[in-house]
Amino acid sequence: MSENQCGSCSSQGSCQDAENKDRKLNAAMCRVKNKIVVLSGKGGVGKSSVAVNIAVGLAQAGKKVGLIDVDVHGPSVPRLLNLSLAKLRAADDSLEPVPWSPNLSVMSLGFLIPNKEDSVIWRGPVKMSLIRQFLEDVTWGDLDYLIVDCPPGTGDEPLSVMQLLGQEARAVIVTTPQDLAVDDVRRSINFCRQTKNPILGVVENMSGFICPHCRETVDIFHSGGGERLARESNIPFLGRIPLDPKMVRAADQGQSLLESDEENPTTRAFRAVIKPLLEISEASEEEKAQP
């Protein structure tokens, strides 16, 4: 037996357990064509709303989509999709994701908390265990996209997601236009470069307020901060999402604006952000089809 083998090691069982877990994780994630992690170094930029609407838009385009909410301390995806009362179903050793539409399934810690007002007080290893469970123990099946909504910052949850998904996971960075947010969000870009995960681009959210009366746009938080960040960081700029009262009301009601108002400027802005994400899937299909 070579020195690298642990047949006589007291931790042999632990090693085998780890190998089995990795095998299970890889088997589940091999069925996912594109893994997209939505990040922001700043809280309050509307990251979850962006993640949800990206997932909805991809599903509306006919893609099979899974959406994971790994914000342990403030899971908001169930509320944004009107799934707060949804119950999880277990089958054998796995969990069934909650269906939102025929093409979109969702998993969140919010489905596991009996009392929505309870605080979740967990350390890093417990969070990583939950994220691993959401990836490997949920029956996602074959997916075109897996969207992961991370909490703000560059702490346990984003790091665990990137470590578990590997370097094929790609990031969408969300910011608002003002310098205070851009400075914090810049850290998310550096985080992805340190983990060696490609960045699909930057989304500038709350970029101008659309007046519900005259439809004129007012730059409450200035404009262009996200685009400037993308240019300075040499990464794509995916587009601007305006601050729209209709989107705020839709979120509070658990609806996606993409469902209800196709002609709304915010809907069109999301379609523009989603277009390059659809193109990466189409490019991958073309590569596989080539002899």
C-alpha atoms as a PDB file:
ATOM      1  CA  MET A   1       0.000   0.000   0.000  1.00  0.00           C
ATOM      2  CA  SER A   2       1.405   3.404  -0.954  1.00  0.00           C
ATOM      3  CA  GLU A   3       1.949   6.226   1.498  1.00  0.00           C
ATOM      4  CA  ASN A   4      -0.921   8.136  -0.112  1.00  0.00           C
ATOM      5  CA  GLN A   5      -3.447   5.426   0.672  1.00  0.00           C
ATOM      6  CA  CYS A   6      -5.190   5.412   4.021  1.00  0.00           C
ATOM      7  CA  GLY A   7      -6.205   1.765   4.370  1.00  0.00           C
ATOM      8  CA  SER A   8      -4.613   1.547   7.816  1.00  0.00           C
ATOM      9  CA  CYS A   9      -5.540   5.074   8.817  1.00  0.00           C
ATOM     10  CA  SER A  10      -7.985   5.561  11.682  1.00  0.00           C
ATOM     11  CA  SER A  11      -9.914   8.055   9.524  1.00  0.00           C
ATOM     12  CA  GLN A  12     -10.428   5.660   6.614  1.00  0.00           C
ATOM     13  CA  GLY A  13     -14.191   5.713   7.101  1.00  0.00           C
ATOM     14  CA  SER A  14     -14.234   9.519   7.042  1.00  0.00           C
ATOM     15  CA  CYS A  15     -12.229   9.555   3.820  1.00  0.00           C
ATOM     16  CA  GLN A  16     -14.644   7.135   2.185  1.00  0.00           C
ATOM     17  CA  ASP A  17     -17.630   9.169   3.383  1.00  0.00           C
ATOM     18  CA  ALA A  18     -16.088  12.305   1.877  1.00  0.00           C
ATOM     19  CA  GLU A  19     -15.479  10.519  -1.434  1.00  0.00           C
ATOM     20  CA  ASN A  20     -19.058   9.271  -1.495  1.00  0.00           C
ATOM     21  CA  LYS A  21     -20.394  12.768  -0.784  1.00  0.00           C
ATOM     22  CA  ASP A  22     -18.265  14.279  -3.542  1.00  0.00           C
ATOM     23  CA  ARG A  23     -19.436  11.572  -5.924  1.00  0.00           C
ATOM     24  CA  LYS A  24     -23.061  12.323  -5.075  1.00  0.00           C
ATOM     25  CA  LEU A  25     -22.541  16.071  -5.498  1.00  0.00           C
ATOM     26  CA  ASN A  26     -20.783  15.625  -8.839  1.00  0.00           C
ATOM     27  CA  ALA A  27     -23.497  13.278 -10.076  1.00  0.00           C
ATOM     28  CA  ALA A  28     -26.187  15.861  -9.285  1.00  0.00           C
ATOM     29  CA  MET A  29     -24.293  18.846 -10.704  1.00  0.00           C
ATOM     30  CA  CYS A  30     -23.278  17.017 -13.901  1.00  0.00           C
ATOM     31  CA  ARG A  31     -26.937  17.244 -14.884  1.00  0.00           C
ATOM     32  CA  VAL A  32     -26.812  21.074 -14.758  1.00  0.00           C
ATOM     33  CA  LYS A  33     -25.605  22.758 -17.937  1.00  0.00           C
ATOM     34  CA  ASN A  34     -25.053  26.288 -16.603  1.00  0.00           C
ATOM     35  CA  LYS A  35     -24.445  27.393 -13.018  1.00  0.00           C
ATOM     36  CA  ILE A  36     -24.915  31.095 -12.290  1.00  0.00           C
ATOM     37  CA  VAL A  37     -24.239  32.650  -8.876  1.00  0.00           C
ATOM     38  CA  VAL A  38     -25.777  36.068  -8.181  1.00  0.00           C
ATOM     39  CA  LEU A  39     -23.530  38.093  -5.893  1.00  0.00           C
ATOM     40  CA  SER A  40     -23.165  41.539  -4.401  1.00  0.00           C
ATOM     41  CA  GLY A  41     -20.715  42.943  -1.913  1.00  0.00           C
ATOM     42  CA  LYS A  42     -23.419  45.345  -0.729  1.00  0.00           C
ATOM     43  CA  GLY A  43     -26.774  44.676   0.937  1.00  0.00           C
ATOM     44  CA  GLY A  44     -29.946  46.404  -0.178  1.00  0.00           C
ATOM     45  CA  VAL A  45     -29.129  46.507  -3.884  1.00  0.00           C
ATOM     46  CA  GLY A  46     -32.060  44.283  -4.906  1.00  0.00           C
ATOM     47  CA  LYS A  47     -29.902  41.247  -5.600  1.00  0.00           C
ATOM     48  CA  SER A  48     -32.625  38.704  -4.768  1.00  0.00           C
ATOM     49  CA  SER A  49     -35.108  40.512  -7.013  1.00  0.00           C
ATOM     50  CA  VAL A  50     -32.581  40.390  -9.839  1.00  0.00           C
ATOM     51  CA  ALA A  51     -31.901  36.676  -9.223  1.00  0.00           C
ATOM     52  CA  VAL A  52     -35.612  35.845  -9.158  1.00  0.00           C
ATOM     53  CA  ASN A  53     -36.407  37.753 -12.331  1.00  0.00           C
ATOM     54  CA  ILE A  54     -33.429  36.246 -14.153  1.00  0.00           C
ATOM     55  CA  ALA A  55     -34.690  32.788 -13.178  1.00  0.00           C
ATOM     56  CA  VAL A  56     -38.249  33.621 -14.271  1.00  0.00           C
ATOM     57  CA  GLY A  57     -37.059  35.077 -17.567  1.00  0.00           C
ATOM     58  CA  LEU A  58     -34.946  32.034 -18.384  1.00  0.00           C
ATOM     59  CA  ALA A  59     -37.870  29.750 -17.523  1.00  0.00           C
ATOM     60  CA  GLN A  60     -40.194  31.785 -19.737  1.00  0.00           C
ATOM     61  CA  ALA A  61     -37.700  31.287 -22.561  1.00  0.00           C
ATOM     62  CA  GLY A  62     -38.329  27.556 -22.301  1.00  0.00           C
ATOM     63  CA  LYS A  63     -35.299  26.646 -20.214  1.00  0.00           C
ATOM     64  CA  LYS A  64     -35.399  24.264 -17.262  1.00  0.00           C
ATOM     65  CA  VAL A  65     -34.294  26.332 -14.274  1.00  0.00           C
ATOM     66  CA  GLY A  66     -33.522  25.682 -10.617  1.00  0.00           C
ATOM     67  CA  LEU A  67     -33.305  28.569  -8.153  1.00  0.00           C
ATOM     68  CA  ILE A  68     -31.532  28.174  -4.799  1.00  0.00           C
ATOM     69  CA  ASP A  69     -31.766  30.781  -2.052  1.00  0.00           C
ATOM     70  CA  VAL A  70     -28.745  30.336   0.251  1.00  0.00           C
ATOM     71  CA  ASP A  71     -29.367  33.462   2.328  1.00  0.00           C
ATOM     72  CA  VAL A  72     -29.562  31.669   5.675  1.00  0.00           C
ATOM     73  CA  HIS A  73     -30.379  34.742   7.768  1.00  0.00           C
ATOM     74  CA  GLY A  74     -32.850  36.434   5.451  1.00  0.00           C
ATOM     75  CA  PRO A  75     -34.301  34.090   2.822  1.00  0.00           C
ATOM     76  CA  SER A  76     -36.506  36.283   0.636  1.00  0.00           C
ATOM     77  CA  VAL A  77     -37.007  34.188  -2.501  1.00  0.00           C
ATOM     78  CA  PRO A  78     -40.135  32.396  -1.138  1.00  0.00           C
ATOM     79  CA  ARG A  79     -41.814  35.771  -0.530  1.00  0.00           C
ATOM     80  CA  LEU A  80     -40.762  37.142  -3.920  1.00  0.00           C
ATOM     81  CA  LEU A  81     -42.369  34.164  -5.677  1.00  0.00           C
ATOM     82  CA  ASN A  82     -45.431  33.879  -3.406  1.00  0.00           C
ATOM     83  CA  LEU A  83     -44.203  30.547  -2.040  1.00  0.00           C
ATOM     84  CA  SER A  84     -44.055  31.448   1.647  1.00  0.00           C
ATOM     85  CA  LEU A  85     -46.632  28.777   2.554  1.00  0.00           C
ATOM     86  CA  ALA A  86     -45.076  26.059   0.412  1.00  0.00           C
ATOM     87  CA  LYS A  87     -44.206  22.766   2.073  1.00  0.00           C
ATOM     88  CA  LEU A  88     -41.298  20.540   1.128  1.00  0.00           C
ATOM     89  CA  ARG A  89     -41.798  16.912   0.208  1.00  0.00           C
ATOM     90  CA  ALA A  90     -39.229  14.226   0.964  1.00  0.00           C
ATOM     91  CA  ALA A  91     -38.720  11.143  -1.184  1.00  0.00           C
ATOM     92  CA  ASP A  92     -36.343   8.458   0.073  1.00  0.00           C
ATOM     93  CA  ASP A  93     -33.108  10.288   0.913  1.00  0.00           C
ATOM     94  CA  SER A  94     -33.884  13.354  -1.175  1.00  0.00           C
ATOM     95  CA  LEU A  95     -35.975  16.512  -1.149  1.00  0.00           C
ATOM     96  CA  GLU A  96     -38.310  17.691  -3.872  1.00  0.00           C
ATOM     97  CA  PRO A  97     -37.809  21.344  -4.881  1.00  0.00           C
ATOM     98  CA  VAL A  98     -40.892  23.536  -4.758  1.00  0.00           C
ATOM     99  CA  PRO A  99     -42.336  24.059  -8.261  1.00  0.00           C
ATOM    100  CA  TRP A 100     -43.166  27.633  -9.241  1.00  0.00           C
ATOM    101  CA  SER A 101     -43.915  26.869 -12.878  1.00  0.00           C
ATOM    102  CA  PRO A 102     -43.393  23.877 -15.182  1.00  0.00           C
ATOM    103  CA  ASN A 103     -39.886  25.180 -15.935  1.00  0.00           C
ATOM    104  CA  LEU A 104     -38.845  26.702 -12.594  1.00  0.00           C
ATOM    105  CA  SER A 105     -38.230  24.929  -9.269  1.00  0.00           C
ATOM    106  CA  VAL A 106     -37.084  26.575  -6.047  1.00  0.00           C
ATOM    107  CA  MET A 107     -35.248  25.633  -2.843  1.00  0.00           C
ATOM    108  CA  SER A 108     -34.771  27.886   0.179  1.00  0.00           C
ATOM    109  CA  LEU A 109     -34.174  27.622   3.904  1.00  0.00           C
ATOM    110  CA  GLY A 110     -37.378  29.629   4.170  1.00  0.00           C
ATOM    111  CA  PHE A 111     -39.295  26.434   3.379  1.00  0.00           C
ATOM    112  CA  LEU A 112     -37.724  24.702   6.395  1.00  0.00           C
ATOM    113  CA  ILE A 113     -38.409  27.303   9.106  1.00  0.00           C
ATOM    114  CA  PRO A 114     -41.763  26.642  10.847  1.00  0.00           C
ATOM    115  CA  ASN A 115     -41.954  30.111  12.340  1.00  0.00           C
ATOM    116  CA  LYS A 116     -40.980  32.808   9.840  1.00  0.00           C
ATOM    117  CA  GLU A 117     -39.990  35.140  12.698  1.00  0.00           C
ATOM    118  CA  ASP A 118     -37.388  32.742  14.129  1.00  0.00           C
ATOM    119  CA  SER A 119     -33.734  33.763  13.911  1.00  0.00           C
ATOM    120  CA  VAL A 120     -31.258  31.328  12.366  1.00  0.00           C
ATOM    121  CA  ILE A 121     -28.016  31.464  14.346  1.00  0.00           C
ATOM    122  CA  TRP A 122     -25.535  29.218  12.568  1.00  0.00           C
ATOM    123  CA  ARG A 123     -21.794  29.101  12.151  1.00  0.00           C
ATOM    124  CA  GLY A 124     -19.986  28.538   8.861  1.00  0.00           C
ATOM    125  CA  PRO A 125     -19.749  24.702   8.820  1.00  0.00           C
ATOM    126  CA  VAL A 126     -23.499  24.330   9.363  1.00  0.00           C
ATOM    127  CA  LYS A 127     -24.208  26.761   6.531  1.00  0.00           C
ATOM    128  CA  MET A 128     -21.918  24.841   4.189  1.00  0.00           C
ATOM    129  CA  SER A 129     -23.654  21.594   5.132  1.00  0.00           C
ATOM    130  CA  LEU A 130     -27.044  23.094   4.243  1.00  0.00           C
ATOM    131  CA  ILE A 131     -25.778  24.434   0.908  1.00  0.00           C
ATOM    132  CA  ARG A 132     -24.295  21.047   0.049  1.00  0.00           C
ATOM    133  CA  GLN A 133     -27.628  19.422   0.892  1.00  0.00           C
ATOM    134  CA  PHE A 134     -29.472  21.850  -1.392  1.00  0.00           C
ATOM    135  CA  LEU A 135     -27.110  20.937  -4.238  1.00  0.00           C
ATOM    136  CA  GLU A 136     -26.809  17.173  -3.869  1.00  0.00           C
ATOM    137  CA  ASP A 137     -29.897  16.000  -1.957  1.00  0.00           C
ATOM    138  CA  VAL A 138     -32.528  17.905  -3.931  1.00  0.00           C
ATOM    139  CA  THR A 139     -33.951  16.139  -6.988  1.00  0.00           C
ATOM    140  CA  TRP A 140     -33.198  18.893  -9.495  1.00  0.00           C
ATOM    141  CA  GLY A 141     -33.002  16.518 -12.432  1.00  0.00           C
ATOM    142  CA  ASP A 142     -31.710  17.858 -15.749  1.00  0.00           C
ATOM    143  CA  LEU A 143     -31.414  21.643 -15.711  1.00  0.00           C
ATOM    144  CA  ASP A 144     -30.382  24.198 -18.299  1.00  0.00           C
ATOM    145  CA  TYR A 145     -29.607  26.684 -15.510  1.00  0.00           C
ATOM    146  CA  LEU A 146     -29.090  26.613 -11.790  1.00  0.00           C
ATOM    147  CA  ILE A 147     -29.341  30.132 -10.311  1.00  0.00           C
ATOM    148  CA  VAL A 148     -27.934  30.608  -6.802  1.00  0.00           C
ATOM    149  CA  ASP A 149     -28.964  33.713  -4.867  1.00  0.00           C
ATOM    150  CA  CYS A 150     -26.284  34.495  -2.268  1.00  0.00           C
ATOM    151  CA  PRO A 151     -26.474  36.897   0.667  1.00  0.00           C
ATOM    152  CA  PRO A 152     -24.433  40.092   0.400  1.00  0.00           C
ATOM    153  CA  GLY A 153     -20.723  40.052   1.076  1.00  0.00           C
ATOM    154  CA  THR A 154     -17.951  37.550   0.509  1.00  0.00           C
ATOM    155  CA  GLY A 155     -18.406  35.342   3.569  1.00  0.00           C
ATOM    156  CA  ASP A 156     -19.363  31.749   4.313  1.00  0.00           C
ATOM    157  CA  GLU A 157     -22.289  31.319   1.934  1.00  0.00           C
ATOM    158  CA  PRO A 158     -20.738  32.680  -1.307  1.00  0.00           C
ATOM    159  CA  LEU A 159     -17.450  30.929  -0.555  1.00  0.00           C
ATOM    160  CA  SER A 160     -19.209  27.614   0.125  1.00  0.00           C
ATOM    161  CA  VAL A 161     -21.213  27.913  -3.091  1.00  0.00           C
ATOM    162  CA  MET A 162     -18.122  28.576  -5.207  1.00  0.00           C
ATOM    163  CA  GLN A 163     -16.154  25.782  -3.549  1.00  0.00           C
ATOM    164  CA  LEU A 164     -18.959  23.255  -4.046  1.00  0.00           C
ATOM    165  CA  LEU A 165     -19.847  24.255  -7.603  1.00  0.00           C
ATOM    166  CA  GLY A 166     -16.250  24.640  -8.736  1.00  0.00           C
ATOM    167  CA  GLN A 167     -14.724  26.969 -11.281  1.00  0.00           C
ATOM    168  CA  GLU A 168     -17.352  26.298 -13.930  1.00  0.00           C
ATOM    169  CA  ALA A 169     -19.827  28.379 -11.909  1.00  0.00           C
ATOM    170  CA  ARG A 170     -20.135  31.899 -13.292  1.00  0.00           C
ATOM    171  CA  ALA A 171     -21.105  35.057 -11.462  1.00  0.00           C
ATOM    172  CA  VAL A 172     -23.531  37.903 -12.062  1.00  0.00           C
ATOM    173  CA  ILE A 173     -22.611  40.925  -9.930  1.00  0.00           C
ATOM    174  CA  VAL A 174     -25.395  43.299  -8.818  1.00  0.00           C
ATOM    175  CA  THR A 175     -24.836  46.888  -7.727  1.00  0.00           C
ATOM    176  CA  THR A 176     -26.682  50.170  -7.493  1.00  0.00           C
ATOM    177  CA  PRO A 177     -25.190  53.218  -9.226  1.00  0.00           C
ATOM    178  CA  GLN A 178     -23.886  55.230  -6.270  1.00  0.00           C
ATOM    179  CA  ASP A 179     -20.205  55.158  -5.333  1.00  0.00           C
ATOM    180  CA  LEU A 180     -20.890  53.769  -1.835  1.00  0.00           C
ATOM    181  CA  ALA A 181     -22.360  50.602  -3.345  1.00  0.00           C
ATOM    182  CA  VAL A 182     -19.837  50.350  -6.165  1.00  0.00           C
ATOM    183  CA  ASP A 183     -16.928  50.428  -3.715  1.00  0.00           C
ATOM    184  CA  ASP A 184     -18.349  47.458  -1.798  1.00  0.00           C
ATOM    185  CA  VAL A 185     -19.384  45.543  -4.906  1.00  0.00           C
ATOM    186  CA  ARG A 186     -15.864  45.821  -6.288  1.00  0.00           C
ATOM    187  CA  ARG A 187     -14.886  43.341  -3.566  1.00  0.00           C
ATOM    188  CA  SER A 188     -17.206  40.733  -5.102  1.00  0.00           C
ATOM    189  CA  ILE A 189     -15.315  41.036  -8.364  1.00  0.00           C
ATOM    190  CA  ASN A 190     -12.010  40.493  -6.561  1.00  0.00           C
ATOM    191  CA  PHE A 191     -13.611  37.586  -4.679  1.00  0.00           C
ATOM    192  CA  CYS A 192     -14.493  35.846  -7.963  1.00  0.00           C
ATOM    193  CA  ARG A 193     -11.006  36.405  -9.288  1.00  0.00           C
ATOM    194  CA  GLN A 194      -9.520  34.853  -6.176  1.00  0.00           C
ATOM    195  CA  THR A 195     -11.801  31.808  -6.477  1.00  0.00           C
ATOM    196  CA  LYS A 196     -11.099  31.752 -10.244  1.00  0.00           C
ATOM    197  CA  ASN A 197     -14.778  31.848 -11.175  1.00  0.00           C
ATOM    198  CA  PRO A 198     -15.642  33.662 -14.426  1.00  0.00           C
ATOM    199  CA  ILE A 199     -17.838  36.757 -14.228  1.00  0.00           C
ATOM    200  CA  LEU A 200     -20.674  37.022 -16.743  1.00  0.00           C
ATOM    201  CA  GLY A 201     -21.136  40.696 -16.032  1.00  0.00           C
ATOM    202  CA  VAL A 202     -22.459  43.521 -13.868  1.00  0.00           C
ATOM    203  CA  VAL A 203     -26.107  44.536 -13.464  1.00  0.00           C
ATOM    204  CA  GLU A 204     -26.798  48.119 -12.385  1.00  0.00           C
ATOM    205  CA  ASN A 205     -30.033  47.935 -10.389  1.00  0.00           C
ATOM    206  CA  MET A 206     -32.191  50.898  -9.264  1.00  0.00           C
ATOM    207  CA  SER A 207     -30.679  52.894 -12.123  1.00  0.00           C
ATOM    208  CA  GLY A 208     -33.068  55.794 -12.300  1.00  0.00           C
ATOM    209  CA  PHE A 209     -36.604  56.139 -10.949  1.00  0.00           C
ATOM    210  CA  ILE A 210     -39.477  55.821 -13.419  1.00  0.00           C
ATOM    211  CA  CYS A 211     -42.237  58.253 -12.459  1.00  0.00           C
ATOM    212  CA  PRO A 212     -45.569  56.371 -12.514  1.00  0.00           C
ATOM    213  CA  HIS A 213     -47.367  59.525 -13.758  1.00  0.00           C
ATOM    214  CA  CYS A 214     -45.208  61.037 -16.489  1.00  0.00           C
ATOM    215  CA  ARG A 215     -42.928  57.993 -17.065  1.00  0.00           C
ATOM    216  CA  GLU A 216     -39.907  60.297 -16.935  1.00  0.00           C
ATOM    217  CA  THR A 217     -36.743  58.817 -15.398  1.00  0.00           C
ATOM    218  CA  VAL A 218     -35.074  60.582 -12.458  1.00  0.00           C
ATOM    219  CA  ASP A 219     -31.555  59.528 -11.369  1.00  0.00           C
ATOM    220  CA  ILE A 220     -32.079  59.284  -7.610  1.00  0.00           C
ATOM    221  CA  PHE A 221     -28.873  57.271  -7.063  1.00  0.00           C
ATOM    222  CA  HIS A 222     -27.077  58.860 -10.012  1.00  0.00           C
ATOM    223  CA  SER A 223     -26.479  56.589 -12.995  1.00  0.00           C
ATOM    224  CA  GLY A 224     -23.615  54.787 -14.640  1.00  0.00           C
ATOM    225  CA  GLY A 225     -21.783  53.508 -11.558  1.00  0.00           C
ATOM    226  CA  GLY A 226     -22.246  49.867 -12.486  1.00  0.00           C
ATOM    227  CA  GLU A 227     -21.246  50.452 -16.095  1.00  0.00           C
ATOM    228  CA  ARG A 228     -18.140  52.311 -14.979  1.00  0.00           C
ATOM    229  CA  LEU A 229     -17.262  49.473 -12.584  1.00  0.00           C
ATOM    230  CA  ALA A 230     -17.604  46.939 -15.390  1.00  0.00           C
ATOM    231  CA  ARG A 231     -15.442  49.031 -17.701  1.00  0.00           C
ATOM    232  CA  GLU A 232     -12.731  49.568 -15.077  1.00  0.00           C
ATOM    233  CA  SER A 233     -12.762  45.857 -14.184  1.00  0.00           C
ATOM    234  CA  ASN A 234     -12.739  44.772 -17.844  1.00  0.00           C
ATOM    235  CA  ILE A 235     -15.885  42.654 -17.523  1.00  0.00           C
ATOM    236  CA  PRO A 236     -19.180  42.838 -19.454  1.00  0.00           C
ATOM    237  CA  PHE A 237     -21.918  45.252 -18.484  1.00  0.00           C
ATOM    238  CA  LEU A 238     -25.244  43.412 -18.680  1.00  0.00           C
ATOM    239  CA  GLY A 239     -27.516  46.430 -18.334  1.00  0.00           C
ATOM    240  CA  ARG A 240     -29.484  48.824 -16.137  1.00  0.00           C
ATOM    241  CA  ILE A 241     -32.671  47.998 -14.221  1.00  0.00           C
ATOM    242  CA  PRO A 242     -34.698  51.108 -13.275  1.00  0.00           C
ATOM    243  CA  LEU A 243     -36.256  51.710  -9.871  1.00  0.00           C
ATOM    244  CA  ASP A 244     -39.897  51.098 -10.724  1.00  0.00           C
ATOM    245  CA  PRO A 245     -42.853  51.271  -8.279  1.00  0.00           C
ATOM    246  CA  LYS A 246     -44.556  48.518 -10.308  1.00  0.00           C
ATOM    247  CA  MET A 247     -41.666  46.190  -9.626  1.00  0.00           C
ATOM    248  CA  VAL A 248     -41.758  47.015  -5.915  1.00  0.00           C
ATOM    249  CA  ARG A 249     -45.494  46.249  -5.739  1.00  0.00           C
ATOM    250  CA  ALA A 250     -45.049  43.046  -7.730  1.00  0.00           C
ATOM    251  CA  ALA A 251     -42.306  41.868  -5.352  1.00  0.00           C
ATOM    252  CA  ASP A 252     -44.465  42.577  -2.297  1.00  0.00           C
ATOM    253  CA  GLN A 253     -47.296  40.599  -3.891  1.00  0.00           C
ATOM    254  CA  GLY A 254     -45.037  37.653  -4.743  1.00  0.00           C
ATOM    255  CA  GLN A 255     -45.172  38.230  -8.496  1.00  0.00           C
ATOM    256  CA  SER A 256     -42.607  38.740 -11.210  1.00  0.00           C
ATOM    257  CA  LEU A 257     -43.075  41.834 -13.323  1.00  0.00           C
ATOM    258  CA  LEU A 258     -42.028  39.729 -16.300  1.00  0.00           C
ATOM    259  CA  GLU A 259     -45.317  37.840 -15.967  1.00  0.00           C
ATOM    260  CA  SER A 260     -47.680  40.772 -15.868  1.00  0.00           C
ATOM    261  CA  ASP A 261     -46.358  43.699 -17.907  1.00  0.00           C
ATOM    262  CA  GLU A 262     -44.359  42.834 -21.011  1.00  0.00           C
ATOM    263  CA  GLU A 263     -44.272  46.441 -22.258  1.00  0.00           C
ATOM    264  CA  ASN A 264     -42.985  47.898 -19.003  1.00  0.00           C
ATOM    265  CA  PRO A 265     -39.499  49.504 -19.353  1.00  0.00           C
ATOM    266  CA  THR A 266     -38.294  47.435 -16.394  1.00  0.00           C
ATOM    267  CA  THR A 267     -39.435  44.230 -18.078  1.00  0.00           C
ATOM    268  CA  ARG A 268     -37.612  45.220 -21.248  1.00  0.00           C
ATOM    269  CA  ALA A 269     -34.509  46.003 -19.200  1.00  0.00           C
ATOM    270  CA  PHE A 270     -34.595  42.529 -17.637  1.00  0.00           C
ATOM    271  CA  ARG A 271     -35.029  40.950 -21.065  1.00  0.00           C
ATOM    272  CA  ALA A 272     -31.858  42.750 -22.173  1.00  0.00           C
ATOM    273  CA  VAL A 273     -29.959  41.430 -19.124  1.00  0.00           C
ATOM    274  CA  ILE A 274     -31.220  37.889 -19.696  1.00  0.00           C
ATOM    275  CA  LYS A 275     -30.390  37.800 -23.414  1.00  0.00           C
ATOM    276  CA  PRO A 276     -26.616  37.216 -23.017  1.00  0.00           C
ATOM    277  CA  LEU A 277     -27.330  34.570 -20.361  1.00  0.00           C
ATOM    278  CA  LEU A 278     -29.479  32.714 -22.888  1.00  0.00           C
ATOM    279  CA  GLU A 279     -26.716  33.038 -25.465  1.00  0.00           C
ATOM    280  CA  ILE A 280     -24.204  31.155 -23.306  1.00  0.00           C
ATOM    281  CA  SER A 281     -26.559  28.175 -23.270  1.00  0.00           C
ATOM    282  CA  GLU A 282     -27.064  28.349 -27.022  1.00  0.00           C
ATOM    283  CA  ALA A 283     -23.294  28.602 -27.563  1.00  0.00           C
ATOM    284  CA  SER A 284     -22.749  25.524 -25.401  1.00  0.00           C
ATOM    285  CA  GLU A 285     -25.335  23.574 -27.403  1.00  0.00           C
ATOM    286  CA  GLU A 286     -23.657  24.567 -30.673  1.00  0.00           C
ATOM    287  CA  GLU A 287     -20.262  23.414 -29.389  1.00  0.00           C
ATOM    288  CA  LYS A 288     -21.684  20.022 -28.404  1.00  0.00           C
ATOM    289  CA  ALA A 289     -23.356  19.638 -31.794  1.00  0.00           C
ATOM    290  CA  GLN A 290     -20.088  20.157 -33.682  1.00  0.00           C
ATOM    291  CA  PRO A 291     -18.347  16.920 -34.762  1.00  0.00           C
END
